[in-house]
Amino acid sequence: AGDVMRDLDPYVPFSQSLRRWVESFGRLN
């Protein structure tokens, strides 16, 4: 999994996690 996580990392920065949670849970209603 190590290389895969490195490749995924730029697309899931922790700084955006709060926004992604708000948006995703909001769209799930």
mmCIF file of all heavy atoms, coordinates in Angstrom:
data_MODEL
# 
_entry.id   MODEL 
# 
loop_
_atom_site.group_PDB 
_atom_site.id 
_atom_site.type_symbol 
_atom_site.label_atom_id 
_atom_site.label_alt_id 
_atom_site.label_comp_id 
_atom_site.label_asym_id 
_atom_site.label_entity_id 
_atom_site.label_seq_id 
_atom_site.pdbx_PDB_ins_code 
_atom_site.Cartn_x 
_atom_site.Cartn_y 
_atom_site.Cartn_z 
_atom_site.occupancy 
_atom_site.B_iso_or_equiv 
_atom_site.pdbx_formal_charge 
_atom_site.auth_seq_id 
_atom_site.auth_comp_id 
_atom_site.auth_asym_id 
_atom_site.auth_atom_id 
_atom_site.pdbx_PDB_model_num 
ATOM 1   N N   . ALA A 1 1  ? 0.794   -1.232 0.000  1.00 0.00 ? 1  ALA A N   1 
ATOM 2   C CA  . ALA A 1 1  ? 0.000   0.000  0.000  1.00 0.00 ? 1  ALA A CA  1 
ATOM 3   C C   . ALA A 1 1  ? 0.823   1.276  0.000  1.00 0.00 ? 1  ALA A C   1 
ATOM 4   O O   . ALA A 1 1  ? 0.283   2.347  -0.266 1.00 0.00 ? 1  ALA A O   1 
ATOM 5   C CB  . ALA A 1 1  ? -0.936  0.014  1.207  1.00 0.00 ? 1  ALA A CB  1 
ATOM 6   N N   . GLY A 1 2  ? 2.117   1.190  0.300  1.00 0.00 ? 2  GLY A N   1 
ATOM 7   C CA  . GLY A 1 2  ? 2.908   2.405  0.477  1.00 0.00 ? 2  GLY A CA  1 
ATOM 8   C C   . GLY A 1 2  ? 2.933   3.314  -0.733 1.00 0.00 ? 2  GLY A C   1 
ATOM 9   O O   . GLY A 1 2  ? 2.660   4.516  -0.640 1.00 0.00 ? 2  GLY A O   1 
ATOM 10  N N   . ASP A 1 3  ? 3.272   2.762  -1.900 1.00 0.00 ? 3  ASP A N   1 
ATOM 11  C CA  . ASP A 1 3  ? 3.354   3.586  -3.112 1.00 0.00 ? 3  ASP A CA  1 
ATOM 12  C C   . ASP A 1 3  ? 1.991   4.152  -3.492 1.00 0.00 ? 3  ASP A C   1 
ATOM 13  O O   . ASP A 1 3  ? 1.889   5.294  -3.953 1.00 0.00 ? 3  ASP A O   1 
ATOM 14  C CB  . ASP A 1 3  ? 3.921   2.759  -4.270 1.00 0.00 ? 3  ASP A CB  1 
ATOM 15  C CG  . ASP A 1 3  ? 5.394   2.415  -4.071 1.00 0.00 ? 3  ASP A CG  1 
ATOM 16  O OD1 . ASP A 1 3  ? 6.048   3.120  -3.265 1.00 0.00 ? 3  ASP A OD1 1 
ATOM 17  O OD2 . ASP A 1 3  ? 5.861   1.448  -4.682 1.00 0.00 ? 3  ASP A OD2 1 
ATOM 18  N N   . VAL A 1 4  ? 0.941   3.353  -3.310 1.00 0.00 ? 4  VAL A N   1 
ATOM 19  C CA  . VAL A 1 4  ? -0.399  3.807  -3.654 1.00 0.00 ? 4  VAL A CA  1 
ATOM 20  C C   . VAL A 1 4  ? -0.796  4.999  -2.795 1.00 0.00 ? 4  VAL A C   1 
ATOM 21  O O   . VAL A 1 4  ? -1.361  5.984  -3.285 1.00 0.00 ? 4  VAL A O   1 
ATOM 22  C CB  . VAL A 1 4  ? -1.415  2.653  -3.477 1.00 0.00 ? 4  VAL A CB  1 
ATOM 23  C CG1 . VAL A 1 4  ? -2.832  3.171  -3.624 1.00 0.00 ? 4  VAL A CG1 1 
ATOM 24  C CG2 . VAL A 1 4  ? -1.146  1.560  -4.485 1.00 0.00 ? 4  VAL A CG2 1 
ATOM 25  N N   . MET A 1 5  ? -0.486  4.939  -1.507 1.00 0.00 ? 5  MET A N   1 
ATOM 26  C CA  . MET A 1 5  ? -0.840  6.045  -0.623 1.00 0.00 ? 5  MET A CA  1 
ATOM 27  C C   . MET A 1 5  ? -0.071  7.306  -0.988 1.00 0.00 ? 5  MET A C   1 
ATOM 28  O O   . MET A 1 5  ? -0.587  8.417  -0.881 1.00 0.00 ? 5  MET A O   1 
ATOM 29  C CB  . MET A 1 5  ? -0.591  5.663  0.831  1.00 0.00 ? 5  MET A CB  1 
ATOM 30  C CG  . MET A 1 5  ? -1.507  4.579  1.364  1.00 0.00 ? 5  MET A CG  1 
ATOM 31  S SD  . MET A 1 5  ? -3.267  4.850  0.978  1.00 0.00 ? 5  MET A SD  1 
ATOM 32  C CE  . MET A 1 5  ? -3.570  6.391  1.853  1.00 0.00 ? 5  MET A CE  1 
ATOM 33  N N   . ARG A 1 6  ? 1.164   7.146  -1.447 1.00 0.00 ? 6  ARG A N   1 
ATOM 34  C CA  . ARG A 1 6  ? 1.944   8.318  -1.875 1.00 0.00 ? 6  ARG A CA  1 
ATOM 35  C C   . ARG A 1 6  ? 1.313   8.936  -3.126 1.00 0.00 ? 6  ARG A C   1 
ATOM 36  O O   . ARG A 1 6  ? 1.261   10.162 -3.279 1.00 0.00 ? 6  ARG A O   1 
ATOM 37  C CB  . ARG A 1 6  ? 3.399   7.928  -2.153 1.00 0.00 ? 6  ARG A CB  1 
ATOM 38  C CG  . ARG A 1 6  ? 4.146   7.407  -0.939 1.00 0.00 ? 6  ARG A CG  1 
ATOM 39  C CD  . ARG A 1 6  ? 5.601   7.111  -1.264 1.00 0.00 ? 6  ARG A CD  1 
ATOM 40  N NE  . ARG A 1 6  ? 6.370   8.343  -1.333 1.00 0.00 ? 6  ARG A NE  1 
ATOM 41  C CZ  . ARG A 1 6  ? 6.948   8.928  -0.283 1.00 0.00 ? 6  ARG A CZ  1 
ATOM 42  N NH1 . ARG A 1 6  ? 6.817   8.396  0.920  1.00 0.00 ? 6  ARG A NH1 1 
ATOM 43  N NH2 . ARG A 1 6  ? 7.640   10.030 -0.433 1.00 0.00 ? 6  ARG A NH2 1 
ATOM 44  N N   . ASP A 1 7  ? 0.828   8.088  -4.040 1.00 0.00 ? 7  ASP A N   1 
ATOM 45  C CA  . ASP A 1 7  ? 0.192   8.594  -5.262 1.00 0.00 ? 7  ASP A CA  1 
ATOM 46  C C   . ASP A 1 7  ? -1.143  9.269  -4.962 1.00 0.00 ? 7  ASP A C   1 
ATOM 47  O O   . ASP A 1 7  ? -1.527  10.249 -5.605 1.00 0.00 ? 7  ASP A O   1 
ATOM 48  C CB  . ASP A 1 7  ? -0.033  7.442  -6.253 1.00 0.00 ? 7  ASP A CB  1 
ATOM 49  C CG  . ASP A 1 7  ? 1.274   6.883  -6.801 1.00 0.00 ? 7  ASP A CG  1 
ATOM 50  O OD1 . ASP A 1 7  ? 2.302   7.597  -6.714 1.00 0.00 ? 7  ASP A OD1 1 
ATOM 51  O OD2 . ASP A 1 7  ? 1.270   5.738  -7.285 1.00 0.00 ? 7  ASP A OD2 1 
ATOM 52  N N   . LEU A 1 8  ? -1.870  8.740  -3.969 1.00 0.00 ? 8  LEU A N   1 
ATOM 53  C CA  . LEU A 1 8  ? -3.167  9.306  -3.618 1.00 0.00 ? 8  LEU A CA  1 
ATOM 54  C C   . LEU A 1 8  ? -3.027  10.595 -2.815 1.00 0.00 ? 8  LEU A C   1 
ATOM 55  O O   . LEU A 1 8  ? -3.887  11.479 -2.891 1.00 0.00 ? 8  LEU A O   1 
ATOM 56  C CB  . LEU A 1 8  ? -3.970  8.279  -2.799 1.00 0.00 ? 8  LEU A CB  1 
ATOM 57  C CG  . LEU A 1 8  ? -5.348  8.713  -2.297 1.00 0.00 ? 8  LEU A CG  1 
ATOM 58  C CD1 . LEU A 1 8  ? -6.307  8.962  -3.465 1.00 0.00 ? 8  LEU A CD1 1 
ATOM 59  C CD2 . LEU A 1 8  ? -5.928  7.671  -1.336 1.00 0.00 ? 8  LEU A CD2 1 
ATOM 60  N N   . ASP A 1 9  ? -1.928  10.728 -2.088 1.00 0.00 ? 9  ASP A N   1 
ATOM 61  C CA  . ASP A 1 9  ? -1.777  11.792 -1.097 1.00 0.00 ? 9  ASP A CA  1 
ATOM 62  C C   . ASP A 1 9  ? -2.083  13.203 -1.613 1.00 0.00 ? 9  ASP A C   1 
ATOM 63  O O   . ASP A 1 9  ? -2.756  13.971 -0.932 1.00 0.00 ? 9  ASP A O   1 
ATOM 64  C CB  . ASP A 1 9  ? -0.368  11.742 -0.494 1.00 0.00 ? 9  ASP A CB  1 
ATOM 65  C CG  . ASP A 1 9  ? -0.296  12.423 0.854  1.00 0.00 ? 9  ASP A CG  1 
ATOM 66  O OD1 . ASP A 1 9  ? -0.947  11.952 1.799  1.00 0.00 ? 9  ASP A OD1 1 
ATOM 67  O OD2 . ASP A 1 9  ? 0.402   13.447 0.950  1.00 0.00 ? 9  ASP A OD2 1 
ATOM 68  N N   . PRO A 1 10 ? -1.603  13.596 -2.806 1.00 0.00 ? 10 PRO A N   1 
ATOM 69  C CA  . PRO A 1 10 ? -1.883  14.961 -3.264 1.00 0.00 ? 10 PRO A CA  1 
ATOM 70  C C   . PRO A 1 10 ? -3.379  15.250 -3.459 1.00 0.00 ? 10 PRO A C   1 
ATOM 71  O O   . PRO A 1 10 ? -3.785  16.421 -3.488 1.00 0.00 ? 10 PRO A O   1 
ATOM 72  C CB  . PRO A 1 10 ? -1.143  15.044 -4.604 1.00 0.00 ? 10 PRO A CB  1 
ATOM 73  C CG  . PRO A 1 10 ? -0.119  13.959 -4.568 1.00 0.00 ? 10 PRO A CG  1 
ATOM 74  C CD  . PRO A 1 10 ? -0.734  12.870 -3.762 1.00 0.00 ? 10 PRO A CD  1 
ATOM 75  N N   . TYR A 1 11 ? -4.174  14.193 -3.588 1.00 0.00 ? 11 TYR A N   1 
ATOM 76  C CA  . TYR A 1 11 ? -5.603  14.372 -3.859 1.00 0.00 ? 11 TYR A CA  1 
ATOM 77  C C   . TYR A 1 11 ? -6.453  14.382 -2.583 1.00 0.00 ? 11 TYR A C   1 
ATOM 78  O O   . TYR A 1 11 ? -7.641  14.698 -2.650 1.00 0.00 ? 11 TYR A O   1 
ATOM 79  C CB  . TYR A 1 11 ? -6.093  13.260 -4.799 1.00 0.00 ? 11 TYR A CB  1 
ATOM 80  C CG  . TYR A 1 11 ? -5.381  13.272 -6.135 1.00 0.00 ? 11 TYR A CG  1 
ATOM 81  C CD1 . TYR A 1 11 ? -4.240  12.499 -6.346 1.00 0.00 ? 11 TYR A CD1 1 
ATOM 82  C CD2 . TYR A 1 11 ? -5.835  14.094 -7.161 1.00 0.00 ? 11 TYR A CD2 1 
ATOM 83  C CE1 . TYR A 1 11 ? -3.574  12.532 -7.562 1.00 0.00 ? 11 TYR A CE1 1 
ATOM 84  C CE2 . TYR A 1 11 ? -5.182  14.134 -8.386 1.00 0.00 ? 11 TYR A CE2 1 
ATOM 85  C CZ  . TYR A 1 11 ? -4.044  13.358 -8.572 1.00 0.00 ? 11 TYR A CZ  1 
ATOM 86  O OH  . TYR A 1 11 ? -3.371  13.407 -9.781 1.00 0.00 ? 11 TYR A OH  1 
ATOM 87  N N   . VAL A 1 12 ? -5.852  14.028 -1.466 1.00 0.00 ? 12 VAL A N   1 
ATOM 88  C CA  . VAL A 1 12 ? -6.602  14.020 -0.205 1.00 0.00 ? 12 VAL A CA  1 
ATOM 89  C C   . VAL A 1 12 ? -5.817  14.747 0.886  1.00 0.00 ? 12 VAL A C   1 
ATOM 90  O O   . VAL A 1 12 ? -5.509  14.182 1.937  1.00 0.00 ? 12 VAL A O   1 
ATOM 91  C CB  . VAL A 1 12 ? -6.944  12.573 0.251  1.00 0.00 ? 12 VAL A CB  1 
ATOM 92  C CG1 . VAL A 1 12 ? -8.074  12.006 -0.574 1.00 0.00 ? 12 VAL A CG1 1 
ATOM 93  C CG2 . VAL A 1 12 ? -5.708  11.673 0.185  1.00 0.00 ? 12 VAL A CG2 1 
ATOM 94  N N   . PRO A 1 13 ? -5.478  16.020 0.663  1.00 0.00 ? 13 PRO A N   1 
ATOM 95  C CA  . PRO A 1 13 ? -4.766  16.768 1.707  1.00 0.00 ? 13 PRO A CA  1 
ATOM 96  C C   . PRO A 1 13 ? -5.654  16.924 2.943  1.00 0.00 ? 13 PRO A C   1 
ATOM 97  O O   . PRO A 1 13 ? -6.861  17.141 2.824  1.00 0.00 ? 13 PRO A O   1 
ATOM 98  C CB  . PRO A 1 13 ? -4.494  18.117 1.045  1.00 0.00 ? 13 PRO A CB  1 
ATOM 99  C CG  . PRO A 1 13 ? -5.579  18.264 0.022  1.00 0.00 ? 13 PRO A CG  1 
ATOM 100 C CD  . PRO A 1 13 ? -5.822  16.866 -0.495 1.00 0.00 ? 13 PRO A CD  1 
ATOM 101 N N   . PHE A 1 14 ? -5.038  16.827 4.099  1.00 0.00 ? 14 PHE A N   1 
ATOM 102 C CA  . PHE A 1 14 ? -5.843  16.922 5.314  1.00 0.00 ? 14 PHE A CA  1 
ATOM 103 C C   . PHE A 1 14 ? -6.505  18.287 5.445  1.00 0.00 ? 14 PHE A C   1 
ATOM 104 O O   . PHE A 1 14 ? -7.587  18.401 6.024  1.00 0.00 ? 14 PHE A O   1 
ATOM 105 C CB  . PHE A 1 14 ? -4.995  16.636 6.558  1.00 0.00 ? 14 PHE A CB  1 
ATOM 106 C CG  . PHE A 1 14 ? -5.811  16.650 7.815  1.00 0.00 ? 14 PHE A CG  1 
ATOM 107 C CD1 . PHE A 1 14 ? -6.654  15.596 8.119  1.00 0.00 ? 14 PHE A CD1 1 
ATOM 108 C CD2 . PHE A 1 14 ? -5.785  17.739 8.670  1.00 0.00 ? 14 PHE A CD2 1 
ATOM 109 C CE1 . PHE A 1 14 ? -7.449  15.616 9.248  1.00 0.00 ? 14 PHE A CE1 1 
ATOM 110 C CE2 . PHE A 1 14 ? -6.568  17.767 9.805  1.00 0.00 ? 14 PHE A CE2 1 
ATOM 111 C CZ  . PHE A 1 14 ? -7.402  16.705 10.099 1.00 0.00 ? 14 PHE A CZ  1 
ATOM 112 N N   . SER A 1 15 ? -5.886  19.314 4.893  1.00 0.00 ? 15 SER A N   1 
ATOM 113 C CA  . SER A 1 15 ? -6.461  20.656 4.998  1.00 0.00 ? 15 SER A CA  1 
ATOM 114 C C   . SER A 1 15 ? -7.873  20.717 4.430  1.00 0.00 ? 15 SER A C   1 
ATOM 115 O O   . SER A 1 15 ? -8.695  21.530 4.857  1.00 0.00 ? 15 SER A O   1 
ATOM 116 C CB  . SER A 1 15 ? -5.570  21.668 4.273  1.00 0.00 ? 15 SER A CB  1 
ATOM 117 O OG  . SER A 1 15 ? -5.487  21.354 2.893  1.00 0.00 ? 15 SER A OG  1 
ATOM 118 N N   . GLN A 1 16 ? -8.164  19.857 3.447  1.00 0.00 ? 16 GLN A N   1 
ATOM 119 C CA  . GLN A 1 16 ? -9.473  19.853 2.799  1.00 0.00 ? 16 GLN A CA  1 
ATOM 120 C C   . GLN A 1 16 ? -10.472 18.905 3.464  1.00 0.00 ? 16 GLN A C   1 
ATOM 121 O O   . GLN A 1 16 ? -11.634 18.830 3.060  1.00 0.00 ? 16 GLN A O   1 
ATOM 122 C CB  . GLN A 1 16 ? -9.322  19.454 1.329  1.00 0.00 ? 16 GLN A CB  1 
ATOM 123 C CG  . GLN A 1 16 ? -8.542  20.464 0.495  1.00 0.00 ? 16 GLN A CG  1 
ATOM 124 C CD  . GLN A 1 16 ? -9.307  21.761 0.340  1.00 0.00 ? 16 GLN A CD  1 
ATOM 125 O OE1 . GLN A 1 16 ? -10.487 21.757 0.010  1.00 0.00 ? 16 GLN A OE1 1 
ATOM 126 N NE2 . GLN A 1 16 ? -8.640  22.883 0.586  1.00 0.00 ? 16 GLN A NE2 1 
ATOM 127 N N   . SER A 1 17 ? -10.029 18.165 4.483  1.00 0.00 ? 17 SER A N   1 
ATOM 128 C CA  . SER A 1 17 ? -10.878 17.111 5.039  1.00 0.00 ? 17 SER A CA  1 
ATOM 129 C C   . SER A 1 17 ? -12.149 17.662 5.674  1.00 0.00 ? 17 SER A C   1 
ATOM 130 O O   . SER A 1 17 ? -13.223 17.073 5.546  1.00 0.00 ? 17 SER A O   1 
ATOM 131 C CB  . SER A 1 17 ? -10.091 16.282 6.055  1.00 0.00 ? 17 SER A CB  1 
ATOM 132 O OG  . SER A 1 17 ? -9.658  17.095 7.134  1.00 0.00 ? 17 SER A OG  1 
ATOM 133 N N   . LEU A 1 18 ? -12.040 18.786 6.356  1.00 0.00 ? 18 LEU A N   1 
ATOM 134 C CA  . LEU A 1 18 ? -13.222 19.374 6.986  1.00 0.00 ? 18 LEU A CA  1 
ATOM 135 C C   . LEU A 1 18 ? -14.254 19.766 5.937  1.00 0.00 ? 18 LEU A C   1 
ATOM 136 O O   . LEU A 1 18 ? -15.456 19.494 6.077  1.00 0.00 ? 18 LEU A O   1 
ATOM 137 C CB  . LEU A 1 18 ? -12.814 20.590 7.821  1.00 0.00 ? 18 LEU A CB  1 
ATOM 138 C CG  . LEU A 1 18 ? -13.875 21.194 8.736  1.00 0.00 ? 18 LEU A CG  1 
ATOM 139 C CD1 . LEU A 1 18 ? -14.265 20.220 9.841  1.00 0.00 ? 18 LEU A CD1 1 
ATOM 140 C CD2 . LEU A 1 18 ? -13.374 22.506 9.345  1.00 0.00 ? 18 LEU A CD2 1 
ATOM 141 N N   . ARG A 1 19 ? -13.799 20.389 4.862  1.00 0.00 ? 19 ARG A N   1 
ATOM 142 C CA  . ARG A 1 19 ? -14.710 20.797 3.786  1.00 0.00 ? 19 ARG A CA  1 
ATOM 143 C C   . ARG A 1 19 ? -15.343 19.572 3.129  1.00 0.00 ? 19 ARG A C   1 
ATOM 144 O O   . ARG A 1 19 ? -16.541 19.564 2.811  1.00 0.00 ? 19 ARG A O   1 
ATOM 145 C CB  . ARG A 1 19 ? -13.941 21.627 2.742  1.00 0.00 ? 19 ARG A CB  1 
ATOM 146 C CG  . ARG A 1 19 ? -14.838 22.326 1.741  1.00 0.00 ? 19 ARG A CG  1 
ATOM 147 C CD  . ARG A 1 19 ? -14.031 23.169 0.762  1.00 0.00 ? 19 ARG A CD  1 
ATOM 148 N NE  . ARG A 1 19 ? -13.282 24.244 1.403  1.00 0.00 ? 19 ARG A NE  1 
ATOM 149 C CZ  . ARG A 1 19 ? -13.793 25.445 1.683  1.00 0.00 ? 19 ARG A CZ  1 
ATOM 150 N NH1 . ARG A 1 19 ? -15.066 25.705 1.413  1.00 0.00 ? 19 ARG A NH1 1 
ATOM 151 N NH2 . ARG A 1 19 ? -13.042 26.372 2.248  1.00 0.00 ? 19 ARG A NH2 1 
ATOM 152 N N   . ARG A 1 20 ? -14.554 18.530 2.911  1.00 0.00 ? 20 ARG A N   1 
ATOM 153 C CA  . ARG A 1 20 ? -15.092 17.319 2.274  1.00 0.00 ? 20 ARG A CA  1 
ATOM 154 C C   . ARG A 1 20 ? -16.150 16.661 3.162  1.00 0.00 ? 20 ARG A C   1 
ATOM 155 O O   . ARG A 1 20 ? -17.158 16.144 2.668  1.00 0.00 ? 20 ARG A O   1 
ATOM 156 C CB  . ARG A 1 20 ? -13.962 16.321 1.987  1.00 0.00 ? 20 ARG A CB  1 
ATOM 157 C CG  . ARG A 1 20 ? -12.861 16.851 1.085  1.00 0.00 ? 20 ARG A CG  1 
ATOM 158 C CD  . ARG A 1 20 ? -13.386 17.255 -0.282 1.00 0.00 ? 20 ARG A CD  1 
ATOM 159 N NE  . ARG A 1 20 ? -12.344 17.811 -1.116 1.00 0.00 ? 20 ARG A NE  1 
ATOM 160 C CZ  . ARG A 1 20 ? -12.356 19.022 -1.657 1.00 0.00 ? 20 ARG A CZ  1 
ATOM 161 N NH1 . ARG A 1 20 ? -13.395 19.825 -1.440 1.00 0.00 ? 20 ARG A NH1 1 
ATOM 162 N NH2 . ARG A 1 20 ? -11.368 19.447 -2.423 1.00 0.00 ? 20 ARG A NH2 1 
ATOM 163 N N   . TRP A 1 21 ? -15.913 16.690 4.474  1.00 0.00 ? 21 TRP A N   1 
ATOM 164 C CA  . TRP A 1 21 ? -16.897 16.127 5.402  1.00 0.00 ? 21 TRP A CA  1 
ATOM 165 C C   . TRP A 1 21 ? -18.196 16.937 5.356  1.00 0.00 ? 21 TRP A C   1 
ATOM 166 O O   . TRP A 1 21 ? -19.293 16.370 5.253  1.00 0.00 ? 21 TRP A O   1 
ATOM 167 C CB  . TRP A 1 21 ? -16.308 16.110 6.818  1.00 0.00 ? 21 TRP A CB  1 
ATOM 168 C CG  . TRP A 1 21 ? -17.301 15.827 7.894  1.00 0.00 ? 21 TRP A CG  1 
ATOM 169 C CD1 . TRP A 1 21 ? -18.033 14.689 8.061  1.00 0.00 ? 21 TRP A CD1 1 
ATOM 170 C CD2 . TRP A 1 21 ? -17.690 16.711 8.960  1.00 0.00 ? 21 TRP A CD2 1 
ATOM 171 N NE1 . TRP A 1 21 ? -18.849 14.806 9.171  1.00 0.00 ? 21 TRP A NE1 1 
ATOM 172 C CE2 . TRP A 1 21 ? -18.652 16.036 9.738  1.00 0.00 ? 21 TRP A CE2 1 
ATOM 173 C CE3 . TRP A 1 21 ? -17.299 17.992 9.336  1.00 0.00 ? 21 TRP A CE3 1 
ATOM 174 C CZ2 . TRP A 1 21 ? -19.239 16.610 10.864 1.00 0.00 ? 21 TRP A CZ2 1 
ATOM 175 C CZ3 . TRP A 1 21 ? -17.877 18.563 10.467 1.00 0.00 ? 21 TRP A CZ3 1 
ATOM 176 C CH2 . TRP A 1 21 ? -18.837 17.873 11.206 1.00 0.00 ? 21 TRP A CH2 1 
ATOM 177 N N   . VAL A 1 22 ? -18.091 18.249 5.429  1.00 0.00 ? 22 VAL A N   1 
ATOM 178 C CA  . VAL A 1 22 ? -19.273 19.111 5.398  1.00 0.00 ? 22 VAL A CA  1 
ATOM 179 C C   . VAL A 1 22 ? -20.060 18.896 4.106  1.00 0.00 ? 22 VAL A C   1 
ATOM 180 O O   . VAL A 1 22 ? -21.293 18.751 4.117  1.00 0.00 ? 22 VAL A O   1 
ATOM 181 C CB  . VAL A 1 22 ? -18.866 20.592 5.549  1.00 0.00 ? 22 VAL A CB  1 
ATOM 182 C CG1 . VAL A 1 22 ? -20.039 21.521 5.225  1.00 0.00 ? 22 VAL A CG1 1 
ATOM 183 C CG2 . VAL A 1 22 ? -18.358 20.869 6.967  1.00 0.00 ? 22 VAL A CG2 1 
ATOM 184 N N   . GLU A 1 23 ? -19.344 18.849 2.976  1.00 0.00 ? 23 GLU A N   1 
ATOM 185 C CA  . GLU A 1 23 ? -20.016 18.714 1.679  1.00 0.00 ? 23 GLU A CA  1 
ATOM 186 C C   . GLU A 1 23 ? -20.625 17.323 1.512  1.00 0.00 ? 23 GLU A C   1 
ATOM 187 O O   . GLU A 1 23 ? -21.777 17.180 1.077  1.00 0.00 ? 23 GLU A O   1 
ATOM 188 C CB  . GLU A 1 23 ? -19.023 18.986 0.558  1.00 0.00 ? 23 GLU A CB  1 
ATOM 189 C CG  . GLU A 1 23 ? -18.556 20.442 0.495  1.00 0.00 ? 23 GLU A CG  1 
ATOM 190 C CD  . GLU A 1 23 ? -17.474 20.660 -0.544 1.00 0.00 ? 23 GLU A CD  1 
ATOM 191 O OE1 . GLU A 1 23 ? -16.902 19.658 -1.037 1.00 0.00 ? 23 GLU A OE1 1 
ATOM 192 O OE2 . GLU A 1 23 ? -17.191 21.831 -0.865 1.00 0.00 ? 23 GLU A OE2 1 
ATOM 193 N N   . SER A 1 24 ? -19.862 16.298 1.844  1.00 0.00 ? 24 SER A N   1 
ATOM 194 C CA  . SER A 1 24 ? -20.325 14.928 1.620  1.00 0.00 ? 24 SER A CA  1 
ATOM 195 C C   . SER A 1 24 ? -21.495 14.578 2.531  1.00 0.00 ? 24 SER A C   1 
ATOM 196 O O   . SER A 1 24 ? -22.518 14.043 2.078  1.00 0.00 ? 24 SER A O   1 
ATOM 197 C CB  . SER A 1 24 ? -19.163 13.954 1.848  1.00 0.00 ? 24 SER A CB  1 
ATOM 198 O OG  . SER A 1 24 ? -19.521 12.649 1.463  1.00 0.00 ? 24 SER A OG  1 
ATOM 199 N N   . PHE A 1 25 ? -21.386 14.900 3.822  1.00 0.00 ? 25 PHE A N   1 
ATOM 200 C CA  . PHE A 1 25 ? -22.493 14.624 4.729  1.00 0.00 ? 25 PHE A CA  1 
ATOM 201 C C   . PHE A 1 25 ? -23.702 15.498 4.387  1.00 0.00 ? 25 PHE A C   1 
ATOM 202 O O   . PHE A 1 25 ? -24.850 15.061 4.504  1.00 0.00 ? 25 PHE A O   1 
ATOM 203 C CB  . PHE A 1 25 ? -22.064 14.856 6.182  1.00 0.00 ? 25 PHE A CB  1 
ATOM 204 C CG  . PHE A 1 25 ? -21.400 13.668 6.831  1.00 0.00 ? 25 PHE A CG  1 
ATOM 205 C CD1 . PHE A 1 25 ? -20.430 12.932 6.150  1.00 0.00 ? 25 PHE A CD1 1 
ATOM 206 C CD2 . PHE A 1 25 ? -21.730 13.284 8.111  1.00 0.00 ? 25 PHE A CD2 1 
ATOM 207 C CE1 . PHE A 1 25 ? -19.811 11.844 6.739  1.00 0.00 ? 25 PHE A CE1 1 
ATOM 208 C CE2 . PHE A 1 25 ? -21.120 12.196 8.718  1.00 0.00 ? 25 PHE A CE2 1 
ATOM 209 C CZ  . PHE A 1 25 ? -20.158 11.469 8.029  1.00 0.00 ? 25 PHE A CZ  1 
ATOM 210 N N   . GLY A 1 26 ? -23.446 16.732 3.955  1.00 0.00 ? 26 GLY A N   1 
ATOM 211 C CA  . GLY A 1 26 ? -24.545 17.607 3.556  1.00 0.00 ? 26 GLY A CA  1 
ATOM 212 C C   . GLY A 1 26 ? -25.312 17.050 2.374  1.00 0.00 ? 26 GLY A C   1 
ATOM 213 O O   . GLY A 1 26 ? -26.549 17.099 2.331  1.00 0.00 ? 26 GLY A O   1 
ATOM 214 N N   . ARG A 1 27 ? -24.605 16.510 1.389  1.00 0.00 ? 27 ARG A N   1 
ATOM 215 C CA  . ARG A 1 27 ? -25.278 15.952 0.206  1.00 0.00 ? 27 ARG A CA  1 
ATOM 216 C C   . ARG A 1 27 ? -25.970 14.629 0.521  1.00 0.00 ? 27 ARG A C   1 
ATOM 217 O O   . ARG A 1 27 ? -26.914 14.253 -0.184 1.00 0.00 ? 27 ARG A O   1 
ATOM 218 C CB  . ARG A 1 27 ? -24.276 15.787 -0.935 1.00 0.00 ? 27 ARG A CB  1 
ATOM 219 C CG  . ARG A 1 27 ? -23.800 17.127 -1.484 1.00 0.00 ? 27 ARG A CG  1 
ATOM 220 C CD  . ARG A 1 27 ? -22.979 16.982 -2.762 1.00 0.00 ? 27 ARG A CD  1 
ATOM 221 N NE  . ARG A 1 27 ? -22.648 18.296 -3.278 1.00 0.00 ? 27 ARG A NE  1 
ATOM 222 C CZ  . ARG A 1 27 ? -21.423 18.815 -3.326 1.00 0.00 ? 27 ARG A CZ  1 
ATOM 223 N NH1 . ARG A 1 27 ? -20.387 18.101 -2.868 1.00 0.00 ? 27 ARG A NH1 1 
ATOM 224 N NH2 . ARG A 1 27 ? -21.209 20.019 -3.808 1.00 0.00 ? 27 ARG A NH2 1 
ATOM 225 N N   . LEU A 1 28 ? -25.501 13.925 1.555  1.00 0.00 ? 28 LEU A N   1 
ATOM 226 C CA  . LEU A 1 28 ? -26.226 12.734 2.011  1.00 0.00 ? 28 LEU A CA  1 
ATOM 227 C C   . LEU A 1 28 ? -27.477 13.110 2.796  1.00 0.00 ? 28 LEU A C   1 
ATOM 228 O O   . LEU A 1 28 ? -28.262 12.247 3.176  1.00 0.00 ? 28 LEU A O   1 
ATOM 229 C CB  . LEU A 1 28 ? -25.317 11.874 2.898  1.00 0.00 ? 28 LEU A CB  1 
ATOM 230 C CG  . LEU A 1 28 ? -24.195 11.111 2.203  1.00 0.00 ? 28 LEU A CG  1 
ATOM 231 C CD1 . LEU A 1 28 ? -23.222 10.555 3.236  1.00 0.00 ? 28 LEU A CD1 1 
ATOM 232 C CD2 . LEU A 1 28 ? -24.737 9.996  1.334  1.00 0.00 ? 28 LEU A CD2 1 
ATOM 233 N N   . ASN A 1 29 ? -27.634 14.421 3.066  1.00 0.00 ? 29 ASN A N   1 
ATOM 234 C CA  . ASN A 1 29 ? -28.798 14.928 3.801  1.00 0.00 ? 29 ASN A CA  1 
ATOM 235 C C   . ASN A 1 29 ? -28.785 14.445 5.253  1.00 0.00 ? 29 ASN A C   1 
ATOM 236 O O   . ASN A 1 29 ? -29.823 14.140 5.833  1.00 0.00 ? 29 ASN A O   1 
ATOM 237 C CB  . ASN A 1 29 ? -30.093 14.506 3.108  1.00 0.00 ? 29 ASN A CB  1 
ATOM 238 C CG  . ASN A 1 29 ? -31.217 15.496 3.335  1.00 0.00 ? 29 ASN A CG  1 
ATOM 239 O OD1 . ASN A 1 29 ? -31.015 16.569 3.890  1.00 0.00 ? 29 ASN A OD1 1 
ATOM 240 N ND2 . ASN A 1 29 ? -32.413 15.129 2.927  1.00 0.00 ? 29 ASN A ND2 1 
# 
